[in-house]
Amino acid sequence: GTHAGARQLPWQSFSRVIETDYFFYLYRSNNAFFLIPADAFTPEERNDFRELLHRHFDKYKVKNA
């Protein structure tokens, strides 16, 4: 089943990713992005998600506080 509000977006919808200690920012344009809370993942899931993003995006920055 699909959760209410769930949607799928192709990777091509996004131009770049910024990862901070608390969020993954998936940018669609310079001023439009999706926020994904890092604490939505276990540490292992977060590493898997990070690897997935690295496979899809050349523009990947990590900003630590």
Protein backbone atom coordinates (compact mmCIF):
# COMPACT_ATOMS: atom_id res chain seq x y z
CA GLY A 1 0.00 0.00 0.00
CA THR A 2 0.91 3.61 -0.42
CA HIS A 3 1.00 6.00 2.49
CA ALA A 4 -1.12 9.13 2.21
CA GLY A 5 0.99 11.86 0.70
CA ALA A 6 3.68 9.46 -0.50
CA ARG A 7 5.10 10.30 -3.87
CA GLN A 8 7.89 9.22 -6.08
CA LEU A 9 10.25 11.66 -7.74
CA PRO A 10 12.92 10.66 -10.23
CA TRP A 11 16.51 11.37 -9.24
CA GLN A 12 16.64 13.75 -12.21
CA SER A 13 14.22 16.02 -10.32
CA PHE A 14 17.09 16.97 -8.03
CA SER A 15 20.24 18.88 -8.88
CA ARG A 16 22.36 18.51 -5.75
CA VAL A 17 22.53 17.28 -2.18
CA ILE A 18 23.80 18.86 1.00
CA GLU A 19 24.17 16.70 4.08
CA THR A 20 24.39 18.23 7.56
CA ASP A 21 24.45 16.60 10.98
CA TYR A 22 20.66 16.82 11.12
CA PHE A 23 19.28 16.85 7.58
CA PHE A 24 19.75 15.78 4.01
CA TYR A 25 18.78 18.63 1.65
CA LEU A 26 17.78 17.40 -1.81
CA TYR A 27 17.70 20.46 -4.04
CA ARG A 28 15.32 20.78 -6.96
CA SER A 29 16.50 24.34 -7.66
CA ASN A 30 18.48 26.99 -5.80
CA ASN A 31 15.57 27.81 -3.52
CA ALA A 32 13.47 24.64 -3.55
CA PHE A 33 14.53 21.51 -1.73
CA PHE A 34 13.28 18.50 0.18
CA LEU A 35 14.41 18.11 3.78
CA ILE A 36 14.97 14.59 5.05
CA PRO A 37 15.73 14.38 8.78
CA ALA A 38 18.87 12.37 9.44
CA ASP A 39 17.31 10.92 12.58
CA ALA A 40 14.70 9.20 10.43
CA PHE A 41 17.41 6.59 9.83
CA THR A 42 19.37 4.19 11.98
CA PRO A 43 23.12 4.79 11.59
CA GLU A 44 23.31 1.84 9.17
CA GLU A 45 20.36 3.11 7.12
CA ARG A 46 21.88 6.58 7.05
CA ASN A 47 25.11 5.16 5.60
CA ASP A 48 23.12 3.21 2.99
CA PHE A 49 21.13 6.33 2.07
CA ARG A 50 24.34 8.37 1.85
CA GLU A 51 25.86 5.78 -0.51
CA LEU A 52 22.73 5.82 -2.65
CA LEU A 53 22.86 9.61 -2.91
CA HIS A 54 26.56 9.55 -3.79
CA ARG A 55 25.79 7.18 -6.67
CA HIS A 56 23.20 9.58 -8.09
CA PHE A 57 24.76 12.98 -7.47
CA ASP A 58 28.12 14.49 -8.41
CA LYS A 59 27.19 17.64 -6.49
CA TYR A 60 27.26 16.35 -2.92
CA LYS A 61 28.43 18.52 -0.04
CA VAL A 62 28.74 17.72 3.62
CA LYS A 63 28.42 20.62 6.04
CA ASN A 64 29.20 19.91 9.67
CA ALA A 65 28.22 22.25 12.47
